[in-house]
Every structure is written in C-alpha cells, then in structure tokens.
C-alpha cells in the first residue's frame, strides 16, 4: 500500500484521532487541577467530541463507497451506450 492510498483510507478518521488526543490532554489537565473549580460539563462535552467525529468519519467512508459504486455504474452504462451506438452505425 503506497502513501497516497494510506492517506485516502486514514483521511476520514484523522479528525476523530486528533480530537481524541485533545480530549486526553484536557482530561489530564483537568485531573491535575482537580479541586480548582474545574467545569465538569465542559469536560463531558470534550470527552464526547471524538465520538461525534467518529460518526462523521463513518458517514464519509459510506459516502465514498457510494460514490465509487455510482461511478462504476455510470462507466458501465456509458460502455453499453457506446457499444449500442457503434452497432447502430454499422
């Protein structure tokens, strides 16, 4: 697998990974400053963000598969219509 294929496969998941790392950093910072007025609701929101990005990644992967399938179907339809035109000209 070359680098371009890896980028294409990892692309939809990178926001979830980055957000997960930021959430871990925020959690560690919150634990370190425990008792100094940390905002629990904000921490809950930050911890849920990777999940939201994961769902977006799932949608993007499905969308890419659907687009590839539609392109294949369109190419197949163009191939049939080209052969039909070629046969009718003779």
PDB file of N, CA and C in Angstrom:
ATOM      1  N   UNK A   1       0.854  -1.175   0.000  1.00  0.00           N
ATOM      2  CA  UNK A   1       0.000   0.000   0.000  1.00  0.00           C
ATOM      3  C   UNK A   1       0.900   1.238   0.000  1.00  0.00           C
ATOM      4  N   UNK A   2       0.677   2.108  -0.977  1.00  0.00           N
ATOM      5  CA  UNK A   2       1.517   3.304  -1.041  1.00  0.00           C
ATOM      6  C   UNK A   2       0.969   4.401  -0.131  1.00  0.00           C
ATOM      7  N   UNK A   3       1.719   5.486  -0.081  1.00  0.00           N
ATOM      8  CA  UNK A   3       1.389   6.576   0.843  1.00  0.00           C
ATOM      9  C   UNK A   3       0.056   7.243   0.495  1.00  0.00           C
ATOM     10  N   UNK A   4      -0.216   7.391  -0.791  1.00  0.00           N
ATOM     11  CA  UNK A   4      -1.476   8.034  -1.209  1.00  0.00           C
ATOM     12  C   UNK A   4      -2.687   7.203  -0.793  1.00  0.00           C
ATOM     13  N   UNK A   5      -2.611   5.893  -0.924  1.00  0.00           N
ATOM     14  CA  UNK A   5      -3.713   5.024  -0.504  1.00  0.00           C
ATOM     15  C   UNK A   5      -3.911   5.095   1.012  1.00  0.00           C
ATOM     16  N   UNK A   6      -2.810   5.147   1.757  1.00  0.00           N
ATOM     17  CA  UNK A   6      -2.915   5.266   3.217  1.00  0.00           C
ATOM     18  C   UNK A   6      -3.586   6.573   3.609  1.00  0.00           C
ATOM     19  N   UNK A   7      -3.199   7.667   2.953  1.00  0.00           N
ATOM     20  CA  UNK A   7      -3.825   8.956   3.252  1.00  0.00           C
ATOM     21  C   UNK A   7      -5.309   8.927   2.961  1.00  0.00           C
ATOM     22  N   UNK A   8      -5.672   8.295   1.850  1.00  0.00           N
ATOM     23  CA  UNK A   8      -7.078   8.241   1.470  1.00  0.00           C
ATOM     24  C   UNK A   8      -7.893   7.424   2.467  1.00  0.00           C
ATOM     25  N   UNK A   9      -7.309   6.335   2.962  1.00  0.00           N
ATOM     26  CA  UNK A   9      -8.035   5.493   3.921  1.00  0.00           C
ATOM     27  C   UNK A   9      -8.073   6.120   5.313  1.00  0.00           C
ATOM     28  N   UNK A  10      -7.033   6.820   5.703  1.00  0.00           N
ATOM     29  CA  UNK A  10      -6.977   7.411   7.044  1.00  0.00           C
ATOM     30  C   UNK A  10      -7.637   8.778   7.123  1.00  0.00           C
ATOM     31  N   UNK A  11      -7.860   9.422   5.979  1.00  0.00           N
ATOM     32  CA  UNK A  11      -8.395  10.788   5.953  1.00  0.00           C
ATOM     33  C   UNK A  11      -9.649  11.009   6.779  1.00  0.00           C
ATOM     34  N   UNK A  12     -10.693  10.191   6.621  1.00  0.00           N
ATOM     35  CA  UNK A  12     -11.917  10.441   7.392  1.00  0.00           C
ATOM     36  C   UNK A  12     -11.747  10.242   8.895  1.00  0.00           C
ATOM     37  N   UNK A  13     -10.725   9.517   9.310  1.00  0.00           N
ATOM     38  CA  UNK A  13     -10.567   9.188  10.727  1.00  0.00           C
ATOM     39  C   UNK A  13      -9.634  10.151  11.462  1.00  0.00           C
ATOM     40  N   UNK A  14      -8.891  10.966  10.749  1.00  0.00           N
ATOM     41  CA  UNK A  14      -7.929  11.851  11.396  1.00  0.00           C
ATOM     42  C   UNK A  14      -8.576  12.881  12.330  1.00  0.00           C
ATOM     43  N   UNK A  15      -9.722  13.489  11.981  1.00  0.00           N
ATOM     44  CA  UNK A  15     -10.339  14.407  12.951  1.00  0.00           C
ATOM     45  C   UNK A  15     -10.707  13.712  14.263  1.00  0.00           C
ATOM     46  N   UNK A  16     -11.172  12.466  14.202  1.00  0.00           N
ATOM     47  CA  UNK A  16     -11.525  11.742  15.422  1.00  0.00           C
ATOM     48  C   UNK A  16     -10.278  11.458  16.250  1.00  0.00           C
ATOM     49  N   UNK A  17      -9.195  11.088  15.586  1.00  0.00           N
ATOM     50  CA  UNK A  17      -7.953  10.798  16.303  1.00  0.00           C
ATOM     51  C   UNK A  17      -7.413  12.063  16.960  1.00  0.00           C
ATOM     52  N   UNK A  18      -7.382  13.173  16.207  1.00  0.00           N
ATOM     53  CA  UNK A  18      -6.884  14.432  16.761  1.00  0.00           C
ATOM     54  C   UNK A  18      -7.750  14.897  17.926  1.00  0.00           C
ATOM     55  N   UNK A  19      -9.058  14.790  17.774  1.00  0.00           N
ATOM     56  CA  UNK A  19      -9.953  15.210  18.848  1.00  0.00           C
ATOM     57  C   UNK A  19      -9.789  14.316  20.070  1.00  0.00           C
ATOM     58  N   UNK A  20      -9.564  13.019  19.840  1.00  0.00           N
ATOM     59  CA  UNK A  20      -9.313  12.106  20.949  1.00  0.00           C
ATOM     60  C   UNK A  20      -8.050  12.484  21.715  1.00  0.00           C
ATOM     61  N   UNK A  21      -7.005  12.837  20.978  1.00  0.00           N
ATOM     62  CA  UNK A  21      -5.771  13.267  21.653  1.00  0.00           C
ATOM     63  C   UNK A  21      -5.990  14.552  22.449  1.00  0.00           C
ATOM     64  N   UNK A  22      -6.712  15.500  21.866  1.00  0.00           N
ATOM     65  CA  UNK A  22      -7.004  16.745  22.592  1.00  0.00           C
ATOM     66  C   UNK A  22      -7.851  16.470  23.832  1.00  0.00           C
ATOM     67  N   UNK A  23      -8.790  15.534  23.729  1.00  0.00           N
ATOM     68  CA  UNK A  23      -9.626  15.191  24.885  1.00  0.00           C
ATOM     69  C   UNK A  23      -8.779  14.565  25.981  1.00  0.00           C
ATOM     70  N   UNK A  24      -7.838  13.713  25.609  1.00  0.00           N
ATOM     71  CA  UNK A  24      -6.952  13.096  26.611  1.00  0.00           C
ATOM     72  C   UNK A  24      -6.111  14.160  27.295  1.00  0.00           C
ATOM     73  N   UNK A  25      -5.596  15.105  26.511  1.00  0.00           N
ATOM     74  CA  UNK A  25      -4.805  16.195  27.102  1.00  0.00           C
ATOM     75  C   UNK A  25      -5.666  17.018  28.058  1.00  0.00           C
ATOM     76  N   UNK A  26      -6.915  17.310  27.659  1.00  0.00           N
ATOM     77  CA  UNK A  26      -7.816  18.085  28.518  1.00  0.00           C
ATOM     78  C   UNK A  26      -8.160  17.325  29.790  1.00  0.00           C
ATOM     79  N   UNK A  27      -8.349  16.010  29.676  1.00  0.00           N
ATOM     80  CA  UNK A  27      -8.665  15.197  30.857  1.00  0.00           C
ATOM     81  C   UNK A  27      -7.484  15.180  31.818  1.00  0.00           C
ATOM     82  N   UNK A  28      -6.283  15.010  31.285  1.00  0.00           N
ATOM     83  CA  UNK A  28      -5.093  15.002  32.144  1.00  0.00           C
ATOM     84  C   UNK A  28      -4.940  16.352  32.836  1.00  0.00           C
ATOM     85  N   UNK A  29      -5.165  17.434  32.087  1.00  0.00           N
ATOM     86  CA  UNK A  29      -5.095  18.764  32.694  1.00  0.00           C
ATOM     87  C   UNK A  29      -6.159  18.961  33.754  1.00  0.00           C
ATOM     88  N   UNK A  30      -7.341  18.412  33.526  1.00  0.00           N
ATOM     89  CA  UNK A  30      -8.419  18.544  34.498  1.00  0.00           C
ATOM     90  C   UNK A  30      -8.119  17.740  35.761  1.00  0.00           C
ATOM     91  N   UNK A  31      -7.573  16.560  35.589  1.00  0.00           N
ATOM     92  CA  UNK A  31      -7.220  15.739  36.752  1.00  0.00           C
ATOM     93  C   UNK A  31      -6.113  16.410  37.559  1.00  0.00           C
ATOM     94  N   UNK A  32      -5.168  16.994  36.849  1.00  0.00           N
ATOM     95  CA  UNK A  32      -4.058  17.651  37.518  1.00  0.00           C
ATOM     96  C   UNK A  32      -4.522  18.865  38.330  1.00  0.00           C
ATOM     97  N   UNK A  33      -5.526  19.555  37.819  1.00  0.00           N
ATOM     98  CA  UNK A  33      -6.015  20.737  38.528  1.00  0.00           C
ATOM     99  C   UNK A  33      -7.323  20.444  39.256  1.00  0.00           C
ATOM    100  N   UNK A  34      -7.521  19.212  39.683  1.00  0.00           N
ATOM    101  CA  UNK A  34      -8.760  18.823  40.367  1.00  0.00           C
ATOM    102  C   UNK A  34      -8.941  19.650  41.636  1.00  0.00           C
ATOM    103  N   UNK A  35     -10.165  20.076  41.829  1.00  0.00           N
ATOM    104  CA  UNK A  35     -10.479  20.847  43.022  1.00  0.00           C
ATOM    105  C   UNK A  35     -10.250  22.331  42.854  1.00  0.00           C
ATOM    106  N   UNK A  36      -9.823  22.768  41.693  1.00  0.00           N
ATOM    107  CA  UNK A  36      -9.583  24.193  41.478  1.00  0.00           C
ATOM    108  C   UNK A  36     -10.671  24.810  40.607  1.00  0.00           C
ATOM    109  N   UNK A  37     -11.895  24.300  40.755  1.00  0.00           N
ATOM    110  CA  UNK A  37     -13.024  24.864  40.022  1.00  0.00           C
ATOM    111  C   UNK A  37     -13.126  24.351  38.591  1.00  0.00           C
ATOM    112  N   UNK A  38     -12.827  23.075  38.371  1.00  0.00           N
ATOM    113  CA  UNK A  38     -12.934  22.526  37.012  1.00  0.00           C
ATOM    114  C   UNK A  38     -14.403  22.424  36.617  1.00  0.00           C
ATOM    115  N   UNK A  39     -14.667  22.578  35.353  1.00  0.00           N
ATOM    116  CA  UNK A  39     -16.016  22.566  34.822  1.00  0.00           C
ATOM    117  C   UNK A  39     -16.325  21.159  34.307  1.00  0.00           C
ATOM    118  N   UNK A  40     -17.140  20.409  35.041  1.00  0.00           N
ATOM    119  CA  UNK A  40     -17.441  19.021  34.697  1.00  0.00           C
ATOM    120  C   UNK A  40     -18.243  18.939  33.398  1.00  0.00           C
ATOM    121  N   UNK A  41     -19.186  19.840  33.170  1.00  0.00           N
ATOM    122  CA  UNK A  41     -19.986  19.774  31.947  1.00  0.00           C
ATOM    123  C   UNK A  41     -19.120  20.024  30.716  1.00  0.00           C
ATOM    124  N   UNK A  42     -18.160  20.915  30.820  1.00  0.00           N
ATOM    125  CA  UNK A  42     -17.242  21.146  29.706  1.00  0.00           C
ATOM    126  C   UNK A  42     -16.396  19.902  29.447  1.00  0.00           C
ATOM    127  N   UNK A  43     -15.952  19.240  30.486  1.00  0.00           N
ATOM    128  CA  UNK A  43     -15.151  18.027  30.319  1.00  0.00           C
ATOM    129  C   UNK A  43     -15.986  16.918  29.672  1.00  0.00           C
ATOM    130  N   UNK A  44     -17.250  16.818  30.040  1.00  0.00           N
ATOM    131  CA  UNK A  44     -18.127  15.818  29.425  1.00  0.00           C
ATOM    132  C   UNK A  44     -18.283  16.094  27.930  1.00  0.00           C
ATOM    133  N   UNK A  45     -18.442  17.346  27.583  1.00  0.00           N
ATOM    134  CA  UNK A  45     -18.552  17.720  26.171  1.00  0.00           C
ATOM    135  C   UNK A  45     -17.274  17.394  25.412  1.00  0.00           C
ATOM    136  N   UNK A  46     -16.145  17.729  25.990  1.00  0.00           N
ATOM    137  CA  UNK A  46     -14.862  17.461  25.332  1.00  0.00           C
ATOM    138  C   UNK A  46     -14.648  15.967  25.160  1.00  0.00           C
ATOM    139  N   UNK A  47     -15.061  15.178  26.130  1.00  0.00           N
ATOM    140  CA  UNK A  47     -14.889  13.723  26.029  1.00  0.00           C
ATOM    141  C   UNK A  47     -15.824  13.105  24.988  1.00  0.00           C
ATOM    142  N   UNK A  48     -16.938  13.750  24.674  1.00  0.00           N
ATOM    143  CA  UNK A  48     -17.854  13.235  23.665  1.00  0.00           C
ATOM    144  C   UNK A  48     -17.455  13.635  22.244  1.00  0.00           C
ATOM    145  N   UNK A  49     -16.629  14.628  22.088  1.00  0.00           N
ATOM    146  CA  UNK A  49     -16.257  15.113  20.763  1.00  0.00           C
ATOM    147  C   UNK A  49     -15.631  14.040  19.865  1.00  0.00           C
ATOM    148  N   UNK A  50     -14.720  13.188  20.345  1.00  0.00           N
ATOM    149  CA  UNK A  50     -14.182  12.152  19.450  1.00  0.00           C
ATOM    150  C   UNK A  50     -15.272  11.236  18.889  1.00  0.00           C
ATOM    151  N   UNK A  51     -16.282  10.957  19.679  1.00  0.00           N
ATOM    152  CA  UNK A  51     -17.380  10.115  19.211  1.00  0.00           C
ATOM    153  C   UNK A  51     -18.120  10.782  18.053  1.00  0.00           C
ATOM    154  N   UNK A  52     -18.350  12.082  18.154  1.00  0.00           N
ATOM    155  CA  UNK A  52     -19.034  12.806  17.081  1.00  0.00           C
ATOM    156  C   UNK A  52     -18.208  12.770  15.800  1.00  0.00           C
ATOM    157  N   UNK A  53     -16.900  12.987  15.930  1.00  0.00           N
ATOM    158  CA  UNK A  53     -16.038  12.937  14.760  1.00  0.00           C
ATOM    159  C   UNK A  53     -15.959  11.523  14.192  1.00  0.00           C
ATOM    160  N   UNK A  54     -16.044  10.519  15.048  1.00  0.00           N
ATOM    161  CA  UNK A  54     -16.065   9.141  14.581  1.00  0.00           C
ATOM    162  C   UNK A  54     -17.308   8.883  13.728  1.00  0.00           C
ATOM    163  N   UNK A  55     -18.455   9.380  14.170  1.00  0.00           N
ATOM    164  CA  UNK A  55     -19.681   9.221  13.391  1.00  0.00           C
ATOM    165  C   UNK A  55     -19.582   9.935  12.042  1.00  0.00           C
ATOM    166  N   UNK A  56     -18.958  11.100  12.026  1.00  0.00           N
ATOM    167  CA  UNK A  56     -18.756  11.803  10.762  1.00  0.00           C
ATOM    168  C   UNK A  56     -17.837  10.989   9.855  1.00  0.00           C
ATOM    169  N   UNK A  57     -16.802  10.366  10.435  1.00  0.00           N
ATOM    170  CA  UNK A  57     -15.909   9.507   9.657  1.00  0.00           C
ATOM    171  C   UNK A  57     -16.643   8.331   9.049  1.00  0.00           C
ATOM    172  N   UNK A  58     -17.534   7.713   9.819  1.00  0.00           N
ATOM    173  CA  UNK A  58     -18.329   6.606   9.284  1.00  0.00           C
ATOM    174  C   UNK A  58     -19.165   7.064   8.096  1.00  0.00           C
ATOM    175  N   UNK A  59     -19.775   8.224   8.224  1.00  0.00           N
ATOM    176  CA  UNK A  59     -20.593   8.755   7.142  1.00  0.00           C
ATOM    177  C   UNK A  59     -19.749   9.031   5.900  1.00  0.00           C
ATOM    178  N   UNK A  60     -18.556   9.608   6.090  1.00  0.00           N
ATOM    179  CA  UNK A  60     -17.697   9.916   4.952  1.00  0.00           C
ATOM    180  C   UNK A  60     -17.232   8.655   4.237  1.00  0.00           C
ATOM    181  N   UNK A  61     -16.915   7.603   4.993  1.00  0.00           N
ATOM    182  CA  UNK A  61     -16.496   6.344   4.376  1.00  0.00           C
ATOM    183  C   UNK A  61     -17.643   5.756   3.565  1.00  0.00           C
ATOM    184  N   UNK A  62     -18.850   5.775   4.111  1.00  0.00           N
ATOM    185  CA  UNK A  62     -20.009   5.261   3.386  1.00  0.00           C
ATOM    186  C   UNK A  62     -20.255   6.092   2.128  1.00  0.00           C
ATOM    187  N   UNK A  63     -20.119   7.389   2.246  1.00  0.00           N
ATOM    188  CA  UNK A  63     -20.314   8.273   1.108  1.00  0.00           C
ATOM    189  C   UNK A  63     -19.298   7.995   0.006  1.00  0.00           C
ATOM    190  N   UNK A  64     -18.039   7.760   0.379  1.00  0.00           N
ATOM    191  CA  UNK A  64     -17.013   7.430  -0.615  1.00  0.00           C
ATOM    192  C   UNK A  64     -17.336   6.132  -1.337  1.00  0.00           C
ATOM    193  N   UNK A  65     -17.799   5.131  -0.581  1.00  0.00           N
ATOM    194  CA  UNK A  65     -18.162   3.853  -1.204  1.00  0.00           C
ATOM    195  C   UNK A  65     -19.334   4.027  -2.160  1.00  0.00           C
ATOM    196  N   UNK A  66     -20.320   4.818  -1.762  1.00  0.00           N
ATOM    197  CA  UNK A  66     -21.474   5.059  -2.627  1.00  0.00           C
ATOM    198  C   UNK A  66     -21.065   5.782  -3.908  1.00  0.00           C
ATOM    199  N   UNK A  67     -20.180   6.766  -3.790  1.00  0.00           N
ATOM    200  CA  UNK A  67     -19.715   7.497  -4.965  1.00  0.00           C
ATOM    201  C   UNK A  67     -18.946   6.576  -5.895  1.00  0.00           C
ATOM    202  N   UNK A  68     -18.089   5.721  -5.341  1.00  0.00           N
ATOM    203  CA  UNK A  68     -17.329   4.781  -6.174  1.00  0.00           C
ATOM    204  C   UNK A  68     -18.271   3.817  -6.898  1.00  0.00           C
ATOM    205  N   UNK A  69     -19.298   3.342  -6.191  1.00  0.00           N
ATOM    206  CA  UNK A  69     -20.269   2.439  -6.813  1.00  0.00           C
ATOM    207  C   UNK A  69     -21.031   3.143  -7.937  1.00  0.00           C
ATOM    208  N   UNK A  70     -21.432   4.385  -7.696  1.00  0.00           N
ATOM    209  CA  UNK A  70     -22.157   5.136  -8.725  1.00  0.00           C
ATOM    210  C   UNK A  70     -21.267   5.400  -9.945  1.00  0.00           C
ATOM    211  N   UNK A  71     -19.985   5.665  -9.714  1.00  0.00           N
ATOM    212  CA  UNK A  71     -19.064   5.864 -10.840  1.00  0.00           C
ATOM    213  C   UNK A  71     -18.926   4.594 -11.662  1.00  0.00           C
ATOM    214  N   UNK A  72     -18.823   3.452 -10.972  1.00  0.00           N
ATOM    215  CA  UNK A  72     -18.728   2.181 -11.687  1.00  0.00           C
ATOM    216  C   UNK A  72     -19.990   1.933 -12.515  1.00  0.00           C
ATOM    217  N   UNK A  73     -21.135   2.205 -11.928  1.00  0.00           N
ATOM    218  CA  UNK A  73     -22.390   2.012 -12.656  1.00  0.00           C
ATOM    219  C   UNK A  73     -22.494   2.962 -13.847  1.00  0.00           C
ATOM    220  N   UNK A  74     -22.043   4.187 -13.664  1.00  0.00           N
ATOM    221  CA  UNK A  74     -22.072   5.162 -14.747  1.00  0.00           C
ATOM    222  C   UNK A  74     -21.121   4.751 -15.871  1.00  0.00           C
ATOM    223  N   UNK A  75     -19.918   4.280 -15.494  1.00  0.00           N
ATOM    224  CA  UNK A  75     -18.976   3.797 -16.511  1.00  0.00           C
ATOM    225  C   UNK A  75     -19.548   2.606 -17.263  1.00  0.00           C
ATOM    226  N   UNK A  76     -20.204   1.698 -16.537  1.00  0.00           N
ATOM    227  CA  UNK A  76     -20.807   0.534 -17.188  1.00  0.00           C
ATOM    228  C   UNK A  76     -21.929   0.970 -18.126  1.00  0.00           C
ATOM    229  N   UNK A  77     -22.719   1.948 -17.716  1.00  0.00           N
ATOM    230  CA  UNK A  77     -23.804   2.442 -18.568  1.00  0.00           C
ATOM    231  C   UNK A  77     -23.243   3.146 -19.797  1.00  0.00           C
ATOM    232  N   UNK A  78     -22.176   3.913 -19.630  1.00  0.00           N
ATOM    233  CA  UNK A  78     -21.543   4.573 -20.776  1.00  0.00           C
ATOM    234  C   UNK A  78     -20.960   3.546 -21.730  1.00  0.00           C
ATOM    235  N   UNK A  79     -20.412   2.483 -21.205  1.00  0.00           N
ATOM    236  CA  UNK A  79     -19.851   1.429 -22.049  1.00  0.00           C
ATOM    237  C   UNK A  79     -20.922   0.752 -22.877  1.00  0.00           C
ATOM    238  N   UNK A  80     -22.066   0.496 -22.290  1.00  0.00           N
ATOM    239  CA  UNK A  80     -23.171  -0.133 -23.025  1.00  0.00           C
ATOM    240  C   UNK A  80     -23.709   0.802 -24.091  1.00  0.00           C
ATOM    241  N   UNK A  81     -23.858   2.077 -23.759  1.00  0.00           N
ATOM    242  CA  UNK A  81     -24.417   3.006 -24.731  1.00  0.00           C
ATOM    243  C   UNK A  81     -23.442   3.225 -25.886  1.00  0.00           C
ATOM    244  N   UNK A  82     -22.122   3.225 -25.616  1.00  0.00           N
ATOM    245  CA  UNK A  82     -21.142   3.369 -26.683  1.00  0.00           C
ATOM    246  C   UNK A  82     -21.183   2.175 -27.626  1.00  0.00           C
ATOM    247  N   UNK A  83     -21.306   0.980 -27.083  1.00  0.00           N
ATOM    248  CA  UNK A  83     -21.356  -0.209 -27.944  1.00  0.00           C
ATOM    249  C   UNK A  83     -22.655  -0.237 -28.735  1.00  0.00           C
ATOM    250  N   UNK A  84     -23.745   0.222 -28.136  1.00  0.00           N
ATOM    251  CA  UNK A  84     -25.019   0.258 -28.842  1.00  0.00           C
ATOM    252  C   UNK A  84     -24.965   1.262 -29.991  1.00  0.00           C
ATOM    253  N   UNK A  85     -24.309   2.404 -29.790  1.00  0.00           N
ATOM    254  CA  UNK A  85     -24.163   3.410 -30.846  1.00  0.00           C
ATOM    255  C   UNK A  85     -23.278   2.863 -31.949  1.00  0.00           C
ATOM    256  N   UNK A  86     -22.198   2.174 -31.575  1.00  0.00           N
ATOM    257  CA  UNK A  86     -21.281   1.609 -32.562  1.00  0.00           C
ATOM    258  C   UNK A  86     -21.991   0.566 -33.412  1.00  0.00           C
ATOM    259  N   UNK A  87     -22.842  -0.256 -32.819  1.00  0.00           N
ATOM    260  CA  UNK A  87     -23.562  -1.280 -33.564  1.00  0.00           C
ATOM    261  C   UNK A  87     -24.589  -0.673 -34.505  1.00  0.00           C
ATOM    262  N   UNK A  88     -25.229   0.402 -34.071  1.00  0.00           N
ATOM    263  CA  UNK A  88     -26.258   1.017 -34.910  1.00  0.00           C
ATOM    264  C   UNK A  88     -25.656   1.763 -36.093  1.00  0.00           C
ATOM    265  N   UNK A  89     -24.394   2.198 -36.005  1.00  0.00           N
ATOM    266  CA  UNK A  89     -23.749   2.901 -37.116  1.00  0.00           C
ATOM    267  C   UNK A  89     -23.394   1.948 -38.228  1.00  0.00           C
ATOM    268  N   UNK A  90     -23.157   0.676 -37.926  1.00  0.00           N
ATOM    269  CA  UNK A  90     -22.751  -0.310 -38.963  1.00  0.00           C
ATOM    270  C   UNK A  90     -23.925  -0.853 -39.633  1.00  0.00           C
TER     271      UNK A  90
END
